[in-house]
PDB file of N, CA and C in Angstrom:
ATOM      1  N   MET A   1      -7.091 -63.458 -51.336  1.00  0.00           N
ATOM      2  CA  MET A   1      -7.897 -64.183 -52.287  1.00  0.00           C
ATOM      3  C   MET A   1      -9.165 -63.420 -52.635  1.00  0.00           C
ATOM      4  N   GLY A   2     -10.018 -63.301 -51.658  1.00  0.00           N
ATOM      5  CA  GLY A   2     -11.273 -62.605 -51.894  1.00  0.00           C
ATOM      6  C   GLY A   2     -11.221 -61.188 -51.345  1.00  0.00           C
ATOM      7  N   ILE A   3     -12.367 -60.624 -51.237  1.00  0.00           N
ATOM      8  CA  ILE A   3     -12.474 -59.270 -50.694  1.00  0.00           C
ATOM      9  C   ILE A   3     -12.364 -59.349 -49.176  1.00  0.00           C
ATOM     10  N   SER A   4     -11.661 -58.410 -48.594  1.00  0.00           N
ATOM     11  CA  SER A   4     -11.488 -58.406 -47.139  1.00  0.00           C
ATOM     12  C   SER A   4     -12.795 -58.014 -46.451  1.00  0.00           C
ATOM     13  N   THR A   5     -12.879 -58.316 -45.181  1.00  0.00           N
ATOM     14  CA  THR A   5     -14.094 -58.042 -44.408  1.00  0.00           C
ATOM     15  C   THR A   5     -14.431 -56.546 -44.363  1.00  0.00           C
ATOM     16  N   PRO A   6     -13.489 -55.636 -44.120  1.00  0.00           N
ATOM     17  CA  PRO A   6     -13.838 -54.205 -44.141  1.00  0.00           C
ATOM     18  C   PRO A   6     -14.340 -53.744 -45.511  1.00  0.00           C
ATOM     19  N   ALA A   7     -13.804 -54.307 -46.580  1.00  0.00           N
ATOM     20  CA  ALA A   7     -14.267 -53.920 -47.913  1.00  0.00           C
ATOM     21  C   ALA A   7     -15.702 -54.368 -48.134  1.00  0.00           C
ATOM     22  N   ILE A   8     -16.052 -55.547 -47.639  1.00  0.00           N
ATOM     23  CA  ILE A   8     -17.434 -56.039 -47.770  1.00  0.00           C
ATOM     24  C   ILE A   8     -18.379 -55.130 -46.996  1.00  0.00           C
ATOM     25  N   ILE A   9     -17.978 -54.708 -45.814  1.00  0.00           N
ATOM     26  CA  ILE A   9     -18.815 -53.818 -45.005  1.00  0.00           C
ATOM     27  C   ILE A   9     -19.030 -52.492 -45.727  1.00  0.00           C
ATOM     28  N   VAL A  10     -17.991 -51.943 -46.319  1.00  0.00           N
ATOM     29  CA  VAL A  10     -18.109 -50.682 -47.055  1.00  0.00           C
ATOM     30  C   VAL A  10     -19.032 -50.852 -48.252  1.00  0.00           C
ATOM     31  N   VAL A  11     -18.902 -51.934 -48.986  1.00  0.00           N
ATOM     32  CA  VAL A  11     -19.754 -52.181 -50.158  1.00  0.00           C
ATOM     33  C   VAL A  11     -21.209 -52.314 -49.736  1.00  0.00           C
ATOM     34  N   VAL A  12     -21.468 -53.027 -48.646  1.00  0.00           N
ATOM     35  CA  VAL A  12     -22.840 -53.192 -48.162  1.00  0.00           C
ATOM     36  C   VAL A  12     -23.413 -51.851 -47.715  1.00  0.00           C
ATOM     37  N   LEU A  13     -22.638 -51.048 -47.010  1.00  0.00           N
ATOM     38  CA  LEU A  13     -23.123 -49.732 -46.572  1.00  0.00           C
ATOM     39  C   LEU A  13     -23.433 -48.826 -47.757  1.00  0.00           C
ATOM     40  N   VAL A  14     -22.566 -48.794 -48.743  1.00  0.00           N
ATOM     41  CA  VAL A  14     -22.799 -47.962 -49.928  1.00  0.00           C
ATOM     42  C   VAL A  14     -24.032 -48.445 -50.678  1.00  0.00           C
ATOM     43  N   ALA A  15     -24.207 -49.754 -50.782  1.00  0.00           N
ATOM     44  CA  ALA A  15     -25.383 -50.300 -51.463  1.00  0.00           C
ATOM     45  C   ALA A  15     -26.659 -49.943 -50.706  1.00  0.00           C
ATOM     46  N   CYS A  16     -26.627 -50.014 -49.377  1.00  0.00           N
ATOM     47  CA  CYS A  16     -27.805 -49.644 -48.581  1.00  0.00           C
ATOM     48  C   CYS A  16     -28.139 -48.165 -48.746  1.00  0.00           C
ATOM     49  N   LEU A  17     -27.137 -47.323 -48.752  1.00  0.00           N
ATOM     50  CA  LEU A  17     -27.379 -45.891 -48.965  1.00  0.00           C
ATOM     51  C   LEU A  17     -27.955 -45.628 -50.348  1.00  0.00           C
ATOM     52  N   ALA A  18     -27.450 -46.320 -51.353  1.00  0.00           N
ATOM     53  CA  ALA A  18     -27.953 -46.136 -52.713  1.00  0.00           C
ATOM     54  C   ALA A  18     -29.400 -46.592 -52.825  1.00  0.00           C
ATOM     55  N   VAL A  19     -29.736 -47.725 -52.224  1.00  0.00           N
ATOM     56  CA  VAL A  19     -31.116 -48.224 -52.269  1.00  0.00           C
ATOM     57  C   VAL A  19     -32.045 -47.271 -51.525  1.00  0.00           C
ATOM     58  N   THR A  20     -31.610 -46.751 -50.394  1.00  0.00           N
ATOM     59  CA  THR A  20     -32.427 -45.802 -49.631  1.00  0.00           C
ATOM     60  C   THR A  20     -32.657 -44.518 -50.421  1.00  0.00           C
ATOM     61  N   ALA A  21     -31.625 -43.986 -51.046  1.00  0.00           N
ATOM     62  CA  ALA A  21     -31.768 -42.762 -51.841  1.00  0.00           C
ATOM     63  C   ALA A  21     -32.669 -42.999 -53.041  1.00  0.00           C
ATOM     64  N   LEU A  22     -32.520 -44.138 -53.693  1.00  0.00           N
ATOM     65  CA  LEU A  22     -33.369 -44.457 -54.842  1.00  0.00           C
ATOM     66  C   LEU A  22     -34.822 -44.604 -54.413  1.00  0.00           C
ATOM     67  N   GLY A  23     -35.052 -45.264 -53.284  1.00  0.00           N
ATOM     68  CA  GLY A  23     -36.414 -45.419 -52.779  1.00  0.00           C
ATOM     69  C   GLY A  23     -37.046 -44.083 -52.426  1.00  0.00           C
ATOM     70  N   ALA A  24     -36.294 -43.202 -51.793  1.00  0.00           N
ATOM     71  CA  ALA A  24     -36.818 -41.880 -51.438  1.00  0.00           C
ATOM     72  C   ALA A  24     -37.130 -41.063 -52.683  1.00  0.00           C
ATOM     73  N   ALA A  25     -36.269 -41.141 -53.688  1.00  0.00           N
ATOM     74  CA  ALA A  25     -36.507 -40.392 -54.924  1.00  0.00           C
ATOM     75  C   ALA A  25     -37.738 -40.907 -55.648  1.00  0.00           C
ATOM     76  N   LEU A  26     -37.893 -42.225 -55.715  1.00  0.00           N
ATOM     77  CA  LEU A  26     -39.077 -42.790 -56.374  1.00  0.00           C
ATOM     78  C   LEU A  26     -40.347 -42.449 -55.607  1.00  0.00           C
ATOM     79  N   PHE A  27     -40.292 -42.511 -54.284  1.00  0.00           N
ATOM     80  CA  PHE A  27     -41.460 -42.170 -53.478  1.00  0.00           C
ATOM     81  C   PHE A  27     -41.850 -40.711 -53.675  1.00  0.00           C
ATOM     82  N   LYS A  28     -40.882 -39.829 -53.685  1.00  0.00           N
ATOM     83  CA  LYS A  28     -41.152 -38.398 -53.870  1.00  0.00           C
ATOM     84  C   LYS A  28     -41.699 -38.122 -55.265  1.00  0.00           C
ATOM     85  N   HIS A  29     -41.210 -38.859 -56.247  1.00  0.00           N
ATOM     86  CA  HIS A  29     -41.634 -38.638 -57.631  1.00  0.00           C
ATOM     87  C   HIS A  29     -43.060 -39.134 -57.867  1.00  0.00           C
ATOM     88  N   TYR A  30     -43.395 -40.296 -57.351  1.00  0.00           N
ATOM     89  CA  TYR A  30     -44.692 -40.890 -57.647  1.00  0.00           C
ATOM     90  C   TYR A  30     -45.783 -40.521 -56.662  1.00  0.00           C
ATOM     91  N   SER A  31     -45.461 -39.964 -55.522  1.00  0.00           N
ATOM     92  CA  SER A  31     -46.500 -39.521 -54.588  1.00  0.00           C
ATOM     93  C   SER A  31     -46.079 -38.208 -53.944  1.00  0.00           C
ATOM     94  N   PRO A  32     -46.143 -37.112 -54.698  1.00  0.00           N
ATOM     95  CA  PRO A  32     -45.753 -35.815 -54.120  1.00  0.00           C
ATOM     96  C   PRO A  32     -46.768 -35.375 -53.071  1.00  0.00           C
ATOM     97  N   ALA A  33     -46.308 -34.623 -52.119  1.00  0.00           N
ATOM     98  CA  ALA A  33     -47.184 -34.122 -51.058  1.00  0.00           C
ATOM     99  C   ALA A  33     -47.993 -32.955 -51.603  1.00  0.00           C
ATOM    100  N   GLU A  34     -49.285 -33.131 -51.684  1.00  0.00           N
ATOM    101  CA  GLU A  34     -50.162 -32.097 -52.240  1.00  0.00           C
ATOM    102  C   GLU A  34     -50.274 -30.889 -51.309  1.00  0.00           C
ATOM    103  N   GLU A  35     -50.324 -31.136 -50.022  1.00  0.00           N
ATOM    104  CA  GLU A  35     -50.527 -30.021 -49.098  1.00  0.00           C
ATOM    105  C   GLU A  35     -49.313 -29.118 -49.002  1.00  0.00           C
ATOM    106  N   GLU A  36     -48.118 -29.610 -49.285  1.00  0.00           N
ATOM    107  CA  GLU A  36     -46.937 -28.753 -49.242  1.00  0.00           C
ATOM    108  C   GLU A  36     -46.888 -27.808 -50.435  1.00  0.00           C
ATOM    109  N   ALA A  37     -47.382 -28.240 -51.570  1.00  0.00           N
ATOM    110  CA  ALA A  37     -47.304 -27.427 -52.776  1.00  0.00           C
ATOM    111  C   ALA A  37     -48.274 -26.249 -52.726  1.00  0.00           C
ATOM    112  N   HIS A  38     -49.363 -26.390 -51.996  1.00  0.00           N
ATOM    113  CA  HIS A  38     -50.401 -25.355 -51.992  1.00  0.00           C
ATOM    114  C   HIS A  38     -50.600 -24.770 -50.600  1.00  0.00           C
ATOM    115  N   TYR A  39     -49.524 -24.519 -49.893  1.00  0.00           N
ATOM    116  CA  TYR A  39     -49.627 -23.971 -48.544  1.00  0.00           C
ATOM    117  C   TYR A  39     -49.911 -22.485 -48.621  1.00  0.00           C
ATOM    118  N   ASN A  40     -50.964 -22.060 -47.961  1.00  0.00           N
ATOM    119  CA  ASN A  40     -51.298 -20.643 -47.858  1.00  0.00           C
ATOM    120  C   ASN A  40     -51.370 -20.286 -46.377  1.00  0.00           C
ATOM    121  N   PRO A  41     -50.557 -19.335 -45.928  1.00  0.00           N
ATOM    122  CA  PRO A  41     -50.619 -18.965 -44.514  1.00  0.00           C
ATOM    123  C   PRO A  41     -51.948 -18.294 -44.194  1.00  0.00           C
ATOM    124  N   THR A  42     -52.349 -18.381 -42.940  1.00  0.00           N
ATOM    125  CA  THR A  42     -53.590 -17.747 -42.527  1.00  0.00           C
ATOM    126  C   THR A  42     -53.428 -16.231 -42.539  1.00  0.00           C
ATOM    127  N   TYR A  43     -54.550 -15.535 -42.478  1.00  0.00           N
ATOM    128  CA  TYR A  43     -54.519 -14.074 -42.480  1.00  0.00           C
ATOM    129  C   TYR A  43     -53.765 -13.554 -41.261  1.00  0.00           C
ATOM    130  N   GLU A  44     -54.005 -14.191 -40.101  1.00  0.00           N
ATOM    131  CA  GLU A  44     -53.348 -13.746 -38.872  1.00  0.00           C
ATOM    132  C   GLU A  44     -51.830 -13.902 -38.972  1.00  0.00           C
ATOM    133  N   GLN A  45     -51.384 -15.012 -39.566  1.00  0.00           N
ATOM    134  CA  GLN A  45     -49.947 -15.220 -39.701  1.00  0.00           C
ATOM    135  C   GLN A  45     -49.337 -14.198 -40.661  1.00  0.00           C
ATOM    136  N   GLY A  46     -50.015 -13.920 -41.774  1.00  0.00           N
ATOM    137  CA  GLY A  46     -49.528 -12.914 -42.708  1.00  0.00           C
ATOM    138  C   GLY A  46     -49.482 -11.532 -42.080  1.00  0.00           C
ATOM    139  N   HIS A  47     -50.518 -11.213 -41.299  1.00  0.00           N
ATOM    140  CA  HIS A  47     -50.570  -9.922 -40.621  1.00  0.00           C
ATOM    141  C   HIS A  47     -49.424  -9.793 -39.619  1.00  0.00           C
ATOM    142  N   TYR A  48     -49.169 -10.852 -38.865  1.00  0.00           N
ATOM    143  CA  TYR A  48     -48.077 -10.839 -37.892  1.00  0.00           C
ATOM    144  C   TYR A  48     -46.733 -10.647 -38.590  1.00  0.00           C
ATOM    145  N   MET A  49     -46.505 -11.341 -39.688  1.00  0.00           N
ATOM    146  CA  MET A  49     -45.228 -11.222 -40.391  1.00  0.00           C
ATOM    147  C   MET A  49     -45.057  -9.824 -40.987  1.00  0.00           C
ATOM    148  N   ARG A  50     -46.146  -9.211 -41.453  1.00  0.00           N
ATOM    149  CA  ARG A  50     -46.051  -7.832 -41.946  1.00  0.00           C
ATOM    150  C   ARG A  50     -45.680  -6.874 -40.815  1.00  0.00           C
ATOM    151  N   GLN A  51     -46.238  -7.107 -39.623  1.00  0.00           N
ATOM    152  CA  GLN A  51     -45.891  -6.271 -38.474  1.00  0.00           C
ATOM    153  C   GLN A  51     -44.416  -6.425 -38.099  1.00  0.00           C
ATOM    154  N   VAL A  52     -43.918  -7.645 -38.118  1.00  0.00           N
ATOM    155  CA  VAL A  52     -42.515  -7.887 -37.773  1.00  0.00           C
ATOM    156  C   VAL A  52     -41.605  -7.216 -38.786  1.00  0.00           C
ATOM    157  N   ARG A  53     -41.947  -7.322 -40.081  1.00  0.00           N
ATOM    158  CA  ARG A  53     -41.125  -6.677 -41.112  1.00  0.00           C
ATOM    159  C   ARG A  53     -41.126  -5.168 -40.942  1.00  0.00           C
ATOM    160  N   ALA A  54     -42.298  -4.582 -40.670  1.00  0.00           N
ATOM    161  CA  ALA A  54     -42.386  -3.133 -40.500  1.00  0.00           C
ATOM    162  C   ALA A  54     -41.601  -2.680 -39.269  1.00  0.00           C
ATOM    163  N   ARG A  55     -41.653  -3.469 -38.210  1.00  0.00           N
ATOM    164  CA  ARG A  55     -40.932  -3.118 -36.988  1.00  0.00           C
ATOM    165  C   ARG A  55     -39.425  -3.186 -37.216  1.00  0.00           C
ATOM    166  N   ASN A  56     -38.957  -4.181 -37.935  1.00  0.00           N
ATOM    167  CA  ASN A  56     -37.524  -4.335 -38.179  1.00  0.00           C
ATOM    168  C   ASN A  56     -37.009  -3.382 -39.244  1.00  0.00           C
ATOM    169  N   TYR A  57     -37.872  -2.883 -40.102  1.00  0.00           N
ATOM    170  CA  TYR A  57     -37.448  -1.969 -41.154  1.00  0.00           C
ATOM    171  C   TYR A  57     -36.886  -0.680 -40.562  1.00  0.00           C
ATOM    172  N   GLY A  58     -37.493  -0.196 -39.486  1.00  0.00           N
ATOM    173  CA  GLY A  58     -36.994   1.005 -38.824  1.00  0.00           C
ATOM    174  C   GLY A  58     -35.611   0.801 -38.230  1.00  0.00           C
ATOM    175  N   HIS A  59     -35.342  -0.399 -37.727  1.00  0.00           N
ATOM    176  CA  HIS A  59     -34.020  -0.691 -37.162  1.00  0.00           C
ATOM    177  C   HIS A  59     -32.948  -0.698 -38.244  1.00  0.00           C
ATOM    178  N   LEU A  60     -33.294  -1.109 -39.454  1.00  0.00           N
ATOM    179  CA  LEU A  60     -32.303  -1.143 -40.529  1.00  0.00           C
ATOM    180  C   LEU A  60     -31.790   0.258 -40.840  1.00  0.00           C
ATOM    181  N   LYS A  61     -32.709   1.221 -40.918  1.00  0.00           N
ATOM    182  CA  LYS A  61     -32.294   2.592 -41.206  1.00  0.00           C
ATOM    183  C   LYS A  61     -31.441   3.135 -40.069  1.00  0.00           C
ATOM    184  N   GLN A  62     -31.846   2.855 -38.850  1.00  0.00           N
ATOM    185  CA  GLN A  62     -31.098   3.344 -37.694  1.00  0.00           C
ATOM    186  C   GLN A  62     -29.690   2.753 -37.660  1.00  0.00           C
ATOM    187  N   GLU A  63     -29.551   1.483 -37.982  1.00  0.00           N
ATOM    188  CA  GLU A  63     -28.230   0.858 -37.977  1.00  0.00           C
ATOM    189  C   GLU A  63     -27.356   1.365 -39.111  1.00  0.00           C
ATOM    190  N   SER A  64     -27.956   1.696 -40.240  1.00  0.00           N
ATOM    191  CA  SER A  64     -27.149   2.159 -41.363  1.00  0.00           C
ATOM    192  C   SER A  64     -26.653   3.583 -41.156  1.00  0.00           C
ATOM    193  N   ILE A  65     -27.330   4.363 -40.334  1.00  0.00           N
ATOM    194  CA  ILE A  65     -26.923   5.743 -40.087  1.00  0.00           C
ATOM    195  C   ILE A  65     -25.766   5.800 -39.089  1.00  0.00           C
ATOM    196  N   SER A  66     -25.717   4.860 -38.157  1.00  0.00           N
ATOM    197  CA  SER A  66     -24.682   4.908 -37.127  1.00  0.00           C
ATOM    198  C   SER A  66     -23.297   4.797 -37.755  1.00  0.00           C
ATOM    199  N   SER A  67     -22.313   5.360 -37.081  1.00  0.00           N
ATOM    200  CA  SER A  67     -20.955   5.376 -37.636  1.00  0.00           C
ATOM    201  C   SER A  67     -20.122   4.250 -37.041  1.00  0.00           C
ATOM    202  N   ARG A  68     -20.589   3.046 -37.197  1.00  0.00           N
ATOM    203  CA  ARG A  68     -19.813   1.909 -36.731  1.00  0.00           C
ATOM    204  C   ARG A  68     -18.653   1.655 -37.680  1.00  0.00           C
ATOM    205  N   ILE A  69     -17.680   0.942 -37.190  1.00  0.00           N
ATOM    206  CA  ILE A  69     -16.525   0.617 -38.019  1.00  0.00           C
ATOM    207  C   ILE A  69     -16.856  -0.594 -38.874  1.00  0.00           C
ATOM    208  N   ASP A  70     -16.526  -0.513 -40.143  1.00  0.00           N
ATOM    209  CA  ASP A  70     -16.691  -1.634 -41.049  1.00  0.00           C
ATOM    210  C   ASP A  70     -15.535  -2.591 -40.790  1.00  0.00           C
ATOM    211  N   LEU A  71     -15.824  -3.758 -40.247  1.00  0.00           N
ATOM    212  CA  LEU A  71     -14.764  -4.671 -39.836  1.00  0.00           C
ATOM    213  C   LEU A  71     -14.036  -5.299 -41.016  1.00  0.00           C
ATOM    214  N   GLU A  72     -14.681  -5.365 -42.162  1.00  0.00           N
ATOM    215  CA  GLU A  72     -14.032  -5.997 -43.304  1.00  0.00           C
ATOM    216  C   GLU A  72     -12.951  -5.106 -43.900  1.00  0.00           C
ATOM    217  N   SER A  73     -13.217  -3.823 -44.015  1.00  0.00           N
ATOM    218  CA  SER A  73     -12.239  -2.950 -44.653  1.00  0.00           C
ATOM    219  C   SER A  73     -11.548  -2.022 -43.663  1.00  0.00           C
ATOM    220  N   ARG A  74     -11.947  -2.084 -42.399  1.00  0.00           N
ATOM    221  CA  ARG A  74     -11.380  -1.236 -41.347  1.00  0.00           C
ATOM    222  C   ARG A  74     -11.577   0.250 -41.629  1.00  0.00           C
ATOM    223  N   LEU A  75     -12.663   0.573 -42.299  1.00  0.00           N
ATOM    224  CA  LEU A  75     -13.037   1.961 -42.539  1.00  0.00           C
ATOM    225  C   LEU A  75     -14.344   2.234 -41.825  1.00  0.00           C
ATOM    226  N   THR A  76     -14.588   3.495 -41.491  1.00  0.00           N
ATOM    227  CA  THR A  76     -15.900   3.835 -40.974  1.00  0.00           C
ATOM    228  C   THR A  76     -16.877   3.838 -42.134  1.00  0.00           C
ATOM    229  N   THR A  77     -18.155   3.811 -41.815  1.00  0.00           N
ATOM    230  CA  THR A  77     -19.146   3.802 -42.889  1.00  0.00           C
ATOM    231  C   THR A  77     -19.096   5.094 -43.691  1.00  0.00           C
ATOM    232  N   GLU A  78     -18.681   6.209 -43.046  1.00  0.00           N
ATOM    233  CA  GLU A  78     -18.571   7.460 -43.797  1.00  0.00           C
ATOM    234  C   GLU A  78     -17.445   7.374 -44.829  1.00  0.00           C
ATOM    235  N   ASP A  79     -16.311   6.788 -44.428  1.00  0.00           N
ATOM    236  CA  ASP A  79     -15.199   6.633 -45.367  1.00  0.00           C
ATOM    237  C   ASP A  79     -15.578   5.702 -46.510  1.00  0.00           C
ATOM    238  N   ALA A  80     -16.242   4.609 -46.174  1.00  0.00           N
ATOM    239  CA  ALA A  80     -16.605   3.637 -47.202  1.00  0.00           C
ATOM    240  C   ALA A  80     -17.645   4.210 -48.148  1.00  0.00           C
ATOM    241  N   SER A  81     -18.601   4.980 -47.612  1.00  0.00           N
ATOM    242  CA  SER A  81     -19.629   5.534 -48.486  1.00  0.00           C
ATOM    243  C   SER A  81     -19.078   6.659 -49.355  1.00  0.00           C
ATOM    244  N   ALA A  82     -17.939   7.235 -48.996  1.00  0.00           N
ATOM    245  CA  ALA A  82     -17.343   8.280 -49.827  1.00  0.00           C
ATOM    246  C   ALA A  82     -16.878   7.716 -51.162  1.00  0.00           C
ATOM    247  N   TYR A  83     -16.541   6.434 -51.186  1.00  0.00           N
ATOM    248  CA  TYR A  83     -16.141   5.819 -52.448  1.00  0.00           C
ATOM    249  C   TYR A  83     -17.343   5.544 -53.343  1.00  0.00           C
ATOM    250  N   VAL A  84     -18.471   5.257 -52.719  1.00  0.00           N
ATOM    251  CA  VAL A  84     -19.672   4.958 -53.492  1.00  0.00           C
ATOM    252  C   VAL A  84     -20.376   6.238 -53.911  1.00  0.00           C
ATOM    253  N   TYR A  85     -20.555   7.157 -52.964  1.00  0.00           N
ATOM    254  CA  TYR A  85     -21.228   8.420 -53.231  1.00  0.00           C
ATOM    255  C   TYR A  85     -20.269   9.562 -52.908  1.00  0.00           C
ATOM    256  N   PRO A  86     -19.395   9.945 -53.822  1.00  0.00           N
ATOM    257  CA  PRO A  86     -18.429  11.000 -53.509  1.00  0.00           C
ATOM    258  C   PRO A  86     -19.136  12.334 -53.278  1.00  0.00           C
ATOM    259  N   HIS A  87     -18.517  13.136 -52.451  1.00  0.00           N
ATOM    260  CA  HIS A  87     -19.063  14.455 -52.162  1.00  0.00           C
ATOM    261  C   HIS A  87     -19.022  15.281 -53.443  1.00  0.00           C
ATOM    262  N   PRO A  88     -20.097  16.031 -53.750  1.00  0.00           N
ATOM    263  CA  PRO A  88     -20.128  16.752 -55.029  1.00  0.00           C
ATOM    264  C   PRO A  88     -19.067  17.839 -55.157  1.00  0.00           C
ATOM    265  N   HIS A  89     -18.565  18.367 -54.039  1.00  0.00           N
ATOM    266  CA  HIS A  89     -17.589  19.449 -54.116  1.00  0.00           C
ATOM    267  C   HIS A  89     -16.156  18.971 -53.899  1.00  0.00           C
ATOM    268  N   SER A  90     -15.957  17.663 -53.828  1.00  0.00           N
ATOM    269  CA  SER A  90     -14.596  17.166 -53.625  1.00  0.00           C
ATOM    270  C   SER A  90     -13.840  17.189 -54.949  1.00  0.00           C
ATOM    271  N   PRO A  91     -12.531  17.439 -54.905  1.00  0.00           N
ATOM    272  CA  PRO A  91     -11.758  17.462 -56.159  1.00  0.00           C
ATOM    273  C   PRO A  91     -11.682  16.067 -56.766  1.00  0.00           C
ATOM    274  N   ARG A  92     -11.827  16.015 -58.065  1.00  0.00           N
ATOM    275  CA  ARG A  92     -11.773  14.723 -58.762  1.00  0.00           C
ATOM    276  C   ARG A  92     -10.387  14.495 -59.302  1.00  0.00           C
ATOM    277  N   GLU A  93      -9.997  13.255 -59.279  1.00  0.00           N
ATOM    278  CA  GLU A  93      -8.656  12.923 -59.762  1.00  0.00           C
ATOM    279  C   GLU A  93      -8.676  12.590 -61.229  1.00  0.00           C
TER     280      GLU A  93
END
């Protein structure tokens, strides 16, 4: 005759989720957080992040030089780079 009990529960849950999402969207729209929009890190934090980037930059070059196997194509990095940067004296097809 009417709607079954599980269907009523599903309808109520969906309605609650919709009301919650609508409320959050309206709250975010009408009262945006001012401090999040204008966040400026301190000098010390910026300095630390520059040091971390500089320290990790050296590792990137070292890792790219090593002859590890490329797991995706099962080629070594030398074989794979030959397709991108062919040797100038190699015969061309």
